[in-house]
Amino acid sequence: MEQATIGIQGMSCGHCVASVKRALGQLEGVEVREVKVGSATVSYDPAAVTPERITQAIQDEGYTARVAGS
């Protein structure tokens, strides 16, 4: 398992946190460590999912997402 911290723009409330947490939790190979306004930390299996797919799931919820350091 690898870990990624994702910066997220457009979040402002608990509903946003719940929405992102739900979207990430539906991805195979992803364990959600923490979601808070502005970021998410996940562990993921690189054989099952890519960081790009993880950020896409967040973007599909209507937020701007980018893996920290990229």
C-alpha atoms as a PDB file:
ATOM      1  CA  MET A   1       0.000   0.000   0.000  1.00  0.00           C
ATOM      2  CA  GLU A   2       1.132   3.505  -0.789  1.00  0.00           C
ATOM      3  CA  GLN A   3      -0.088   6.720   0.794  1.00  0.00           C
ATOM      4  CA  ALA A   4      -1.202   9.917  -0.934  1.00  0.00           C
ATOM      5  CA  THR A   5      -2.319  13.291   0.345  1.00  0.00           C
ATOM      6  CA  ILE A   6      -4.652  15.078  -2.016  1.00  0.00           C
ATOM      7  CA  GLY A   7      -5.289  18.805  -1.957  1.00  0.00           C
ATOM      8  CA  ILE A   8      -8.933  19.613  -2.665  1.00  0.00           C
ATOM      9  CA  GLN A   9     -10.364  22.987  -3.596  1.00  0.00           C
ATOM     10  CA  GLY A  10     -14.036  23.851  -3.407  1.00  0.00           C
ATOM     11  CA  MET A  11     -14.852  22.115  -0.118  1.00  0.00           C
ATOM     12  CA  SER A  12     -16.476  24.227   2.593  1.00  0.00           C
ATOM     13  CA  CYS A  13     -18.511  22.061   4.946  1.00  0.00           C
ATOM     14  CA  GLY A  14     -19.257  18.682   6.475  1.00  0.00           C
ATOM     15  CA  HIS A  15     -21.419  17.731   3.495  1.00  0.00           C
ATOM     16  CA  CYS A  16     -18.392  18.238   1.240  1.00  0.00           C
ATOM     17  CA  VAL A  17     -16.291  16.021   3.501  1.00  0.00           C
ATOM     18  CA  ALA A  18     -18.965  13.306   3.475  1.00  0.00           C
ATOM     19  CA  SER A  19     -19.286  13.482  -0.310  1.00  0.00           C
ATOM     20  CA  VAL A  20     -15.537  13.065  -0.872  1.00  0.00           C
ATOM     21  CA  LYS A  21     -15.269  10.330   1.755  1.00  0.00           C
ATOM     22  CA  ARG A  22     -18.106   8.385   0.111  1.00  0.00           C
ATOM     23  CA  ALA A  23     -16.589   8.748  -3.395  1.00  0.00           C
ATOM     24  CA  LEU A  24     -13.159   7.573  -2.227  1.00  0.00           C
ATOM     25  CA  GLY A  25     -14.639   4.716  -0.220  1.00  0.00           C
ATOM     26  CA  GLN A  26     -16.245   3.305  -3.370  1.00  0.00           C
ATOM     27  CA  LEU A  27     -12.898   2.891  -5.131  1.00  0.00           C
ATOM     28  CA  GLU A  28     -11.440  -0.600  -5.087  1.00  0.00           C
ATOM     29  CA  GLY A  29      -8.000  -0.685  -3.478  1.00  0.00           C
ATOM     30  CA  VAL A  30      -8.433   2.588  -1.537  1.00  0.00           C
ATOM     31  CA  GLU A  31      -8.508   2.967   2.250  1.00  0.00           C
ATOM     32  CA  VAL A  32      -9.618   6.406   3.391  1.00  0.00           C
ATOM     33  CA  ARG A  33      -7.388   7.608   6.233  1.00  0.00           C
ATOM     34  CA  GLU A  34      -8.711  11.149   6.691  1.00  0.00           C
ATOM     35  CA  VAL A  35     -10.892  13.616   4.846  1.00  0.00           C
ATOM     36  CA  LYS A  36     -11.180  17.210   6.008  1.00  0.00           C
ATOM     37  CA  VAL A  37     -12.058  20.482   4.328  1.00  0.00           C
ATOM     38  CA  GLY A  38      -9.271  21.046   1.820  1.00  0.00           C
ATOM     39  CA  SER A  39      -7.567  17.647   1.792  1.00  0.00           C
ATOM     40  CA  ALA A  40      -7.796  13.889   1.927  1.00  0.00           C
ATOM     41  CA  THR A  41      -5.250  11.264   2.930  1.00  0.00           C
ATOM     42  CA  VAL A  42      -5.627   7.749   1.565  1.00  0.00           C
ATOM     43  CA  SER A  43      -3.718   4.505   1.379  1.00  0.00           C
ATOM     44  CA  TYR A  44      -4.056   2.725  -1.922  1.00  0.00           C
ATOM     45  CA  ASP A  45      -2.961  -0.393  -3.750  1.00  0.00           C
ATOM     46  CA  PRO A  46      -1.137   0.764  -6.907  1.00  0.00           C
ATOM     47  CA  ALA A  47      -1.984  -2.557  -8.561  1.00  0.00           C
ATOM     48  CA  ALA A  48      -5.701  -1.755  -8.219  1.00  0.00           C
ATOM     49  CA  VAL A  49      -5.977   2.034  -8.612  1.00  0.00           C
ATOM     50  CA  THR A  50      -3.879   4.986  -9.762  1.00  0.00           C
ATOM     51  CA  PRO A  51      -3.520   8.383  -8.094  1.00  0.00           C
ATOM     52  CA  GLU A  52      -5.122   9.851 -11.217  1.00  0.00           C
ATOM     53  CA  ARG A  53      -8.229   7.676 -10.718  1.00  0.00           C
ATOM     54  CA  ILE A  54      -8.400   8.778  -7.079  1.00  0.00           C
ATOM     55  CA  THR A  55      -8.311  12.464  -8.010  1.00  0.00           C
ATOM     56  CA  GLN A  56     -10.838  11.828 -10.801  1.00  0.00           C
ATOM     57  CA  ALA A  57     -13.309  10.397  -8.260  1.00  0.00           C
ATOM     58  CA  ILE A  58     -13.026  13.640  -6.272  1.00  0.00           C
ATOM     59  CA  GLN A  59     -13.383  15.759  -9.407  1.00  0.00           C
ATOM     60  CA  ASP A  60     -16.485  13.771 -10.340  1.00  0.00           C
ATOM     61  CA  GLU A  61     -18.022  15.080  -7.091  1.00  0.00           C
ATOM     62  CA  GLY A  62     -17.448  18.652  -8.274  1.00  0.00           C
ATOM     63  CA  TYR A  63     -14.165  19.575  -6.574  1.00  0.00           C
ATOM     64  CA  THR A  64     -10.696  20.361  -7.876  1.00  0.00           C
ATOM     65  CA  ALA A  65      -8.178  17.756  -6.686  1.00  0.00           C
ATOM     66  CA  ARG A  66      -4.427  17.322  -6.989  1.00  0.00           C
ATOM     67  CA  VAL A  67      -2.054  14.863  -5.350  1.00  0.00           C
ATOM     68  CA  ALA A  68       0.326  16.846  -3.121  1.00  0.00           C
ATOM     69  CA  GLY A  69       3.752  17.176  -4.647  1.00  0.00           C
ATOM     70  CA  SER A  70       2.586  16.775  -8.228  1.00  0.00           C
END
